[in-house]
């Protein structure tokens, strides 16, 4: 029999431990790193990241810098106003030929009313006034303010009615216009209402007789001149 050689005692294997050719080592928990006082070296500080400055934004050409500026807002405001005006005019029909013609006709009618009224005031002062001493001249002067058609009608009445009565009574009549207005108007024909005081002095009356008349005259334009084409009084 051989006698076993005594050796170091064998370590028992821990449950779950894998077999290995190297002896198992037990890791010690890591402690805080030694400080400079303890003879160690302090860990180097982490480098701080520096932020690079951004490069300034470059404006691009074209509308990049203009759009949104004060000048662009002014231009857009003007364009908007023009668009509203054009839309309104189109809605009212003032941009078409019909609208332009209506504006011109209205302007011509207004101008005709003012011109015809002034001509009627001058005419009525001559037509309604006469003097028994100058009847022929008064008749001729009144007919100068009339159309040929109405002058012929007026002449017949003046010869048959006015002239004999004026001569018999030695009448003298004056007319004073106190105001007037347009009754209706067209570019070539206007009816005018005038307020006229007609004063008569004659041998048949002791003093002047004043008649407050409202006279309407139809005025027509002939060769640029406004003439009386008819008269009615009340």
C-alpha atoms as a PDB file:
ATOM      1  CA  UNK A   1       0.000   0.000   0.000  1.00  0.00           C
ATOM      2  CA  UNK A   2       1.086   3.491  -0.740  1.00  0.00           C
ATOM      3  CA  UNK A   3       0.726   6.068   1.886  1.00  0.00           C
ATOM      4  CA  UNK A   4      -1.126   9.218   0.682  1.00  0.00           C
ATOM      5  CA  UNK A   5       0.966  12.309   0.648  1.00  0.00           C
ATOM      6  CA  UNK A   6      -0.429  14.932   2.851  1.00  0.00           C
ATOM      7  CA  UNK A   7      -1.261  18.259   0.986  1.00  0.00           C
ATOM      8  CA  UNK A   8      -3.276  21.432   1.520  1.00  0.00           C
ATOM      9  CA  UNK A   9      -6.859  20.928   2.372  1.00  0.00           C
ATOM     10  CA  UNK A  10      -9.303  21.169  -0.580  1.00  0.00           C
ATOM     11  CA  UNK A  11     -11.833  24.130  -0.657  1.00  0.00           C
ATOM     12  CA  UNK A  12     -15.422  23.248  -0.881  1.00  0.00           C
ATOM     13  CA  UNK A  13     -17.191  24.496  -3.976  1.00  0.00           C
ATOM     14  CA  UNK A  14     -19.971  26.984  -3.425  1.00  0.00           C
ATOM     15  CA  UNK A  15     -23.336  26.091  -4.839  1.00  0.00           C
ATOM     16  CA  UNK A  16     -23.725  27.541  -8.308  1.00  0.00           C
ATOM     17  CA  UNK A  17     -20.042  28.199  -8.746  1.00  0.00           C
ATOM     18  CA  UNK A  18     -18.663  27.215 -12.099  1.00  0.00           C
ATOM     19  CA  UNK A  19     -15.656  25.036 -12.254  1.00  0.00           C
ATOM     20  CA  UNK A  20     -12.579  26.863 -13.433  1.00  0.00           C
ATOM     21  CA  UNK A  21      -8.928  26.235 -13.565  1.00  0.00           C
ATOM     22  CA  UNK A  22      -8.332  29.556 -11.725  1.00  0.00           C
ATOM     23  CA  UNK A  23      -9.225  30.051  -8.114  1.00  0.00           C
ATOM     24  CA  UNK A  24     -12.193  32.294  -7.617  1.00  0.00           C
ATOM     25  CA  UNK A  25     -11.457  35.804  -6.480  1.00  0.00           C
ATOM     26  CA  UNK A  26     -13.749  37.980  -4.506  1.00  0.00           C
ATOM     27  CA  UNK A  27     -14.051  41.584  -5.840  1.00  0.00           C
ATOM     28  CA  UNK A  28     -13.831  44.279  -3.244  1.00  0.00           C
ATOM     29  CA  UNK A  29     -16.304  47.112  -3.486  1.00  0.00           C
ATOM     30  CA  UNK A  30     -14.803  50.211  -5.068  1.00  0.00           C
ATOM     31  CA  UNK A  31     -14.477  53.110  -2.690  1.00  0.00           C
ATOM     32  CA  UNK A  32     -14.180  56.825  -3.386  1.00  0.00           C
ATOM     33  CA  UNK A  33     -11.034  57.831  -5.229  1.00  0.00           C
ATOM     34  CA  UNK A  34      -8.237  58.986  -2.963  1.00  0.00           C
ATOM     35  CA  UNK A  35      -7.938  62.702  -2.518  1.00  0.00           C
ATOM     36  CA  UNK A  36      -4.776  64.779  -2.777  1.00  0.00           C
ATOM     37  CA  UNK A  37      -4.502  64.830   1.046  1.00  0.00           C
ATOM     38  CA  UNK A  38      -4.583  61.031   1.075  1.00  0.00           C
ATOM     39  CA  UNK A  39      -1.764  60.888  -1.406  1.00  0.00           C
ATOM     40  CA  UNK A  40      -3.916  60.375  -4.519  1.00  0.00           C
ATOM     41  CA  UNK A  41      -4.596  62.518  -7.528  1.00  0.00           C
ATOM     42  CA  UNK A  42      -7.931  64.333  -8.102  1.00  0.00           C
ATOM     43  CA  UNK A  43      -9.784  63.344 -11.263  1.00  0.00           C
ATOM     44  CA  UNK A  44      -9.344  65.771 -14.112  1.00  0.00           C
ATOM     45  CA  UNK A  45     -12.402  68.046 -14.658  1.00  0.00           C
ATOM     46  CA  UNK A  46     -14.544  67.329 -17.689  1.00  0.00           C
ATOM     47  CA  UNK A  47     -13.894  69.755 -20.514  1.00  0.00           C
ATOM     48  CA  UNK A  48     -16.731  72.339 -20.864  1.00  0.00           C
ATOM     49  CA  UNK A  49     -18.365  72.501 -24.273  1.00  0.00           C
ATOM     50  CA  UNK A  50     -18.286  76.001 -25.686  1.00  0.00           C
ATOM     51  CA  UNK A  51     -21.173  77.187 -27.914  1.00  0.00           C
ATOM     52  CA  UNK A  52     -20.073  78.604 -31.213  1.00  0.00           C
ATOM     53  CA  UNK A  53     -21.784  81.943 -32.116  1.00  0.00           C
ATOM     54  CA  UNK A  54     -24.231  81.738 -34.995  1.00  0.00           C
ATOM     55  CA  UNK A  55     -23.354  83.511 -38.130  1.00  0.00           C
ATOM     56  CA  UNK A  56     -25.751  86.442 -38.907  1.00  0.00           C
ATOM     57  CA  UNK A  57     -28.564  85.537 -41.273  1.00  0.00           C
ATOM     58  CA  UNK A  58     -27.983  86.965 -44.683  1.00  0.00           C
ATOM     59  CA  UNK A  59     -30.918  88.620 -46.459  1.00  0.00           C
ATOM     60  CA  UNK A  60     -31.644  87.208 -49.799  1.00  0.00           C
ATOM     61  CA  UNK A  61     -32.262  89.340 -52.830  1.00  0.00           C
ATOM     62  CA  UNK A  62     -35.588  89.937 -54.526  1.00  0.00           C
ATOM     63  CA  UNK A  63     -38.630  90.254 -52.276  1.00  0.00           C
ATOM     64  CA  UNK A  64     -36.978  88.686 -49.207  1.00  0.00           C
ATOM     65  CA  UNK A  65     -36.075  92.015 -47.611  1.00  0.00           C
ATOM     66  CA  UNK A  66     -38.872  94.114 -49.143  1.00  0.00           C
ATOM     67  CA  UNK A  67     -41.814  91.896 -48.238  1.00  0.00           C
ATOM     68  CA  UNK A  68     -43.243  92.895 -44.874  1.00  0.00           C
ATOM     69  CA  UNK A  69     -41.527  96.280 -44.847  1.00  0.00           C
ATOM     70  CA  UNK A  70     -43.410  99.592 -44.410  1.00  0.00           C
ATOM     71  CA  UNK A  71     -43.175 100.314 -48.142  1.00  0.00           C
ATOM     72  CA  UNK A  72     -44.785  96.991 -48.988  1.00  0.00           C
ATOM     73  CA  UNK A  73     -47.642  97.667 -46.544  1.00  0.00           C
ATOM     74  CA  UNK A  74     -48.285 101.078 -48.149  1.00  0.00           C
ATOM     75  CA  UNK A  75     -48.341  99.571 -51.648  1.00  0.00           C
ATOM     76  CA  UNK A  76     -50.690  96.805 -50.564  1.00  0.00           C
ATOM     77  CA  UNK A  77     -53.021  99.340 -48.911  1.00  0.00           C
ATOM     78  CA  UNK A  78     -53.205 101.423 -52.096  1.00  0.00           C
ATOM     79  CA  UNK A  79     -53.879  98.344 -54.208  1.00  0.00           C
ATOM     80  CA  UNK A  80     -56.645  97.276 -51.822  1.00  0.00           C
ATOM     81  CA  UNK A  81     -58.317 100.699 -51.932  1.00  0.00           C
ATOM     82  CA  UNK A  82     -58.193 100.762 -55.736  1.00  0.00           C
ATOM     83  CA  UNK A  83     -59.676  97.293 -55.880  1.00  0.00           C
ATOM     84  CA  UNK A  84     -62.571  98.330 -53.631  1.00  0.00           C
ATOM     85  CA  UNK A  85     -63.227 101.469 -55.707  1.00  0.00           C
ATOM     86  CA  UNK A  86     -63.164  99.571 -58.989  1.00  0.00           C
ATOM     87  CA  UNK A  87     -65.461  96.909 -57.592  1.00  0.00           C
ATOM     88  CA  UNK A  88     -67.921  99.561 -56.415  1.00  0.00           C
ATOM     89  CA  UNK A  89     -67.891 101.348 -59.755  1.00  0.00           C
ATOM     90  CA  UNK A  90     -68.422  98.094 -61.611  1.00  0.00           C
ATOM     91  CA  UNK A  91     -71.325  97.232 -59.320  1.00  0.00           C
ATOM     92  CA  UNK A  92     -72.931 100.604 -60.009  1.00  0.00           C
ATOM     93  CA  UNK A  93     -72.317 100.276 -63.732  1.00  0.00           C
ATOM     94  CA  UNK A  94     -70.325 103.514 -63.873  1.00  0.00           C
ATOM     95  CA  UNK A  95     -67.374 102.084 -65.804  1.00  0.00           C
ATOM     96  CA  UNK A  96     -69.364 100.863 -68.735  1.00  0.00           C
ATOM     97  CA  UNK A  97     -70.443 102.945 -71.687  1.00  0.00           C
ATOM     98  CA  UNK A  98     -73.912 103.243 -70.243  1.00  0.00           C
ATOM     99  CA  UNK A  99     -72.611 104.647 -66.974  1.00  0.00           C
ATOM    100  CA  UNK A 100     -70.383 107.192 -68.713  1.00  0.00           C
ATOM    101  CA  UNK A 101     -73.257 108.326 -70.919  1.00  0.00           C
ATOM    102  CA  UNK A 102     -75.522 108.748 -67.901  1.00  0.00           C
ATOM    103  CA  UNK A 103     -72.936 110.878 -66.123  1.00  0.00           C
ATOM    104  CA  UNK A 104     -72.494 113.081 -69.173  1.00  0.00           C
ATOM    105  CA  UNK A 105     -76.244 113.470 -69.631  1.00  0.00           C
ATOM    106  CA  UNK A 106     -76.748 114.362 -65.963  1.00  0.00           C
ATOM    107  CA  UNK A 107     -74.002 116.971 -66.168  1.00  0.00           C
ATOM    108  CA  UNK A 108     -75.476 118.434 -69.366  1.00  0.00           C
ATOM    109  CA  UNK A 109     -78.945 118.558 -67.768  1.00  0.00           C
ATOM    110  CA  UNK A 110     -77.666 120.359 -64.690  1.00  0.00           C
ATOM    111  CA  UNK A 111     -75.822 122.880 -66.817  1.00  0.00           C
ATOM    112  CA  UNK A 112     -78.900 123.382 -69.018  1.00  0.00           C
ATOM    113  CA  UNK A 113     -81.106 124.066 -65.979  1.00  0.00           C
ATOM    114  CA  UNK A 114     -78.835 126.804 -64.667  1.00  0.00           C
ATOM    115  CA  UNK A 115     -78.337 128.446 -68.069  1.00  0.00           C
ATOM    116  CA  UNK A 116     -82.006 128.273 -69.052  1.00  0.00           C
ATOM    117  CA  UNK A 117     -83.145 129.767 -65.735  1.00  0.00           C
ATOM    118  CA  UNK A 118     -80.875 132.786 -66.169  1.00  0.00           C
ATOM    119  CA  UNK A 119     -82.120 133.246 -69.754  1.00  0.00           C
ATOM    120  CA  UNK A 120     -85.766 132.971 -68.630  1.00  0.00           C
ATOM    121  CA  UNK A 121     -85.301 135.709 -66.016  1.00  0.00           C
ATOM    122  CA  UNK A 122     -83.970 138.103 -68.642  1.00  0.00           C
ATOM    123  CA  UNK A 123     -86.698 137.172 -71.109  1.00  0.00           C
ATOM    124  CA  UNK A 124     -89.676 137.548 -68.751  1.00  0.00           C
ATOM    125  CA  UNK A 125     -88.574 141.049 -67.723  1.00  0.00           C
ATOM    126  CA  UNK A 126     -88.883 142.072 -71.373  1.00  0.00           C
ATOM    127  CA  UNK A 127     -91.981 140.062 -72.311  1.00  0.00           C
ATOM    128  CA  UNK A 128     -94.176 141.184 -69.394  1.00  0.00           C
ATOM    129  CA  UNK A 129     -93.120 144.836 -69.489  1.00  0.00           C
ATOM    130  CA  UNK A 130     -94.296 147.486 -71.994  1.00  0.00           C
ATOM    131  CA  UNK A 131     -95.028 151.192 -72.293  1.00  0.00           C
ATOM    132  CA  UNK A 132     -97.920 152.630 -74.286  1.00  0.00           C
ATOM    133  CA  UNK A 133     -95.460 155.169 -75.753  1.00  0.00           C
ATOM    134  CA  UNK A 134     -93.125 152.516 -77.243  1.00  0.00           C
ATOM    135  CA  UNK A 135     -95.320 149.496 -77.952  1.00  0.00           C
ATOM    136  CA  UNK A 136     -93.740 148.539 -81.281  1.00  0.00           C
ATOM    137  CA  UNK A 137     -90.207 148.598 -79.862  1.00  0.00           C
ATOM    138  CA  UNK A 138     -91.344 146.675 -76.756  1.00  0.00           C
ATOM    139  CA  UNK A 139     -92.940 143.993 -78.909  1.00  0.00           C
ATOM    140  CA  UNK A 140     -89.862 143.633 -81.071  1.00  0.00           C
ATOM    141  CA  UNK A 141     -87.587 143.448 -78.029  1.00  0.00           C
ATOM    142  CA  UNK A 142     -89.739 140.753 -76.417  1.00  0.00           C
ATOM    143  CA  UNK A 143     -89.752 138.633 -79.588  1.00  0.00           C
ATOM    144  CA  UNK A 144     -85.953 138.563 -79.579  1.00  0.00           C
ATOM    145  CA  UNK A 145     -86.151 136.183 -76.571  1.00  0.00           C
ATOM    146  CA  UNK A 146     -88.607 133.794 -78.312  1.00  0.00           C
ATOM    147  CA  UNK A 147     -88.514 131.010 -80.838  1.00  0.00           C
ATOM    148  CA  UNK A 148     -89.983 132.012 -84.227  1.00  0.00           C
ATOM    149  CA  UNK A 149     -93.040 129.796 -83.598  1.00  0.00           C
ATOM    150  CA  UNK A 150     -93.855 131.344 -80.239  1.00  0.00           C
ATOM    151  CA  UNK A 151     -92.984 134.866 -81.457  1.00  0.00           C
ATOM    152  CA  UNK A 152     -95.695 134.582 -84.114  1.00  0.00           C
ATOM    153  CA  UNK A 153     -98.256 133.484 -81.513  1.00  0.00           C
ATOM    154  CA  UNK A 154     -97.207 136.250 -79.117  1.00  0.00           C
ATOM    155  CA  UNK A 155     -97.361 138.875 -81.857  1.00  0.00           C
ATOM    156  CA  UNK A 156    -100.968 138.095 -82.692  1.00  0.00           C
ATOM    157  CA  UNK A 157    -102.045 138.350 -79.041  1.00  0.00           C
ATOM    158  CA  UNK A 158    -100.055 141.554 -78.505  1.00  0.00           C
ATOM    159  CA  UNK A 159    -101.597 143.233 -81.547  1.00  0.00           C
ATOM    160  CA  UNK A 160    -105.184 142.249 -80.745  1.00  0.00           C
ATOM    161  CA  UNK A 161    -105.282 142.520 -76.932  1.00  0.00           C
ATOM    162  CA  UNK A 162    -102.304 144.218 -75.304  1.00  0.00           C
ATOM    163  CA  UNK A 163    -101.672 147.067 -77.713  1.00  0.00           C
ATOM    164  CA  UNK A 164    -105.231 148.480 -77.883  1.00  0.00           C
ATOM    165  CA  UNK A 165    -105.681 148.286 -74.085  1.00  0.00           C
ATOM    166  CA  UNK A 166    -102.331 149.932 -73.407  1.00  0.00           C
ATOM    167  CA  UNK A 167    -103.030 152.801 -75.793  1.00  0.00           C
ATOM    168  CA  UNK A 168    -106.530 153.423 -74.422  1.00  0.00           C
ATOM    169  CA  UNK A 169    -105.434 153.444 -70.776  1.00  0.00           C
ATOM    170  CA  UNK A 170    -101.960 154.870 -71.366  1.00  0.00           C
ATOM    171  CA  UNK A 171    -100.584 151.899 -69.450  1.00  0.00           C
ATOM    172  CA  UNK A 172     -97.044 151.378 -68.367  1.00  0.00           C
ATOM    173  CA  UNK A 173     -96.094 147.925 -67.017  1.00  0.00           C
ATOM    174  CA  UNK A 174     -92.842 146.806 -65.379  1.00  0.00           C
ATOM    175  CA  UNK A 175     -91.810 143.313 -64.280  1.00  0.00           C
ATOM    176  CA  UNK A 176     -89.425 142.318 -61.475  1.00  0.00           C
ATOM    177  CA  UNK A 177     -88.272 138.737 -60.923  1.00  0.00           C
ATOM    178  CA  UNK A 178     -87.921 137.620 -57.271  1.00  0.00           C
ATOM    179  CA  UNK A 179     -86.827 134.033 -57.745  1.00  0.00           C
ATOM    180  CA  UNK A 180     -87.209 130.894 -59.743  1.00  0.00           C
ATOM    181  CA  UNK A 181     -86.591 127.185 -59.976  1.00  0.00           C
ATOM    182  CA  UNK A 182     -86.418 124.385 -62.506  1.00  0.00           C
ATOM    183  CA  UNK A 183     -89.620 122.369 -62.874  1.00  0.00           C
ATOM    184  CA  UNK A 184     -88.134 119.751 -65.191  1.00  0.00           C
ATOM    185  CA  UNK A 185     -85.062 119.668 -67.356  1.00  0.00           C
ATOM    186  CA  UNK A 186     -83.361 117.912 -70.230  1.00  0.00           C
ATOM    187  CA  UNK A 187     -80.140 118.849 -71.977  1.00  0.00           C
ATOM    188  CA  UNK A 188     -82.043 120.736 -74.718  1.00  0.00           C
ATOM    189  CA  UNK A 189     -85.329 121.696 -73.027  1.00  0.00           C
ATOM    190  CA  UNK A 190     -86.099 123.171 -69.574  1.00  0.00           C
ATOM    191  CA  UNK A 191     -89.312 124.311 -67.898  1.00  0.00           C
ATOM    192  CA  UNK A 192     -88.682 127.172 -65.469  1.00  0.00           C
ATOM    193  CA  UNK A 193     -90.954 128.596 -62.754  1.00  0.00           C
ATOM    194  CA  UNK A 194     -90.464 132.293 -61.934  1.00  0.00           C
ATOM    195  CA  UNK A 195     -92.024 134.511 -59.262  1.00  0.00           C
ATOM    196  CA  UNK A 196     -92.669 137.903 -60.848  1.00  0.00           C
ATOM    197  CA  UNK A 197     -94.099 141.130 -59.476  1.00  0.00           C
ATOM    198  CA  UNK A 198     -95.883 142.993 -62.309  1.00  0.00           C
ATOM    199  CA  UNK A 199     -96.624 146.659 -61.562  1.00  0.00           C
ATOM    200  CA  UNK A 200     -99.108 148.563 -63.761  1.00  0.00           C
ATOM    201  CA  UNK A 201     -99.599 152.314 -63.929  1.00  0.00           C
ATOM    202  CA  UNK A 202    -102.493 153.562 -66.073  1.00  0.00           C
ATOM    203  CA  UNK A 203    -105.115 156.242 -66.363  1.00  0.00           C
ATOM    204  CA  UNK A 204    -107.756 153.754 -65.274  1.00  0.00           C
ATOM    205  CA  UNK A 205    -106.281 153.516 -61.749  1.00  0.00           C
ATOM    206  CA  UNK A 206    -105.332 156.199 -59.267  1.00  0.00           C
ATOM    207  CA  UNK A 207    -102.145 154.439 -58.139  1.00  0.00           C
ATOM    208  CA  UNK A 208     -99.825 151.604 -59.193  1.00  0.00           C
ATOM    209  CA  UNK A 209    -101.380 148.151 -59.183  1.00  0.00           C
ATOM    210  CA  UNK A 210     -99.074 145.233 -58.220  1.00  0.00           C
ATOM    211  CA  UNK A 211     -99.827 141.697 -59.341  1.00  0.00           C
ATOM    212  CA  UNK A 212     -97.894 138.799 -57.831  1.00  0.00           C
ATOM    213  CA  UNK A 213     -97.567 136.335 -60.687  1.00  0.00           C
ATOM    214  CA  UNK A 214     -96.168 132.874 -61.021  1.00  0.00           C
ATOM    215  CA  UNK A 215     -94.985 132.381 -64.566  1.00  0.00           C
ATOM    216  CA  UNK A 216     -93.804 129.160 -66.193  1.00  0.00           C
ATOM    217  CA  UNK A 217     -91.674 129.321 -69.324  1.00  0.00           C
ATOM    218  CA  UNK A 218     -90.666 126.514 -71.642  1.00  0.00           C
ATOM    219  CA  UNK A 219     -87.067 127.177 -72.683  1.00  0.00           C
ATOM    220  CA  UNK A 220     -85.419 125.459 -75.657  1.00  0.00           C
ATOM    221  CA  UNK A 221     -81.885 125.676 -76.954  1.00  0.00           C
ATOM    222  CA  UNK A 222     -81.431 126.917 -80.495  1.00  0.00           C
ATOM    223  CA  UNK A 223     -77.912 127.312 -81.849  1.00  0.00           C
ATOM    224  CA  UNK A 224     -76.460 127.707 -78.363  1.00  0.00           C
ATOM    225  CA  UNK A 225     -79.084 130.237 -77.213  1.00  0.00           C
ATOM    226  CA  UNK A 226     -81.946 129.538 -74.827  1.00  0.00           C
ATOM    227  CA  UNK A 227     -85.271 130.907 -76.156  1.00  0.00           C
ATOM    228  CA  UNK A 228     -88.838 130.998 -74.838  1.00  0.00           C
ATOM    229  CA  UNK A 229     -91.111 128.512 -76.576  1.00  0.00           C
ATOM    230  CA  UNK A 230     -94.216 128.933 -74.408  1.00  0.00           C
ATOM    231  CA  UNK A 231     -95.522 130.949 -71.424  1.00  0.00           C
ATOM    232  CA  UNK A 232     -98.262 130.290 -68.899  1.00  0.00           C
ATOM    233  CA  UNK A 233     -99.071 132.394 -65.823  1.00  0.00           C
ATOM    234  CA  UNK A 234    -101.322 131.936 -62.799  1.00  0.00           C
END
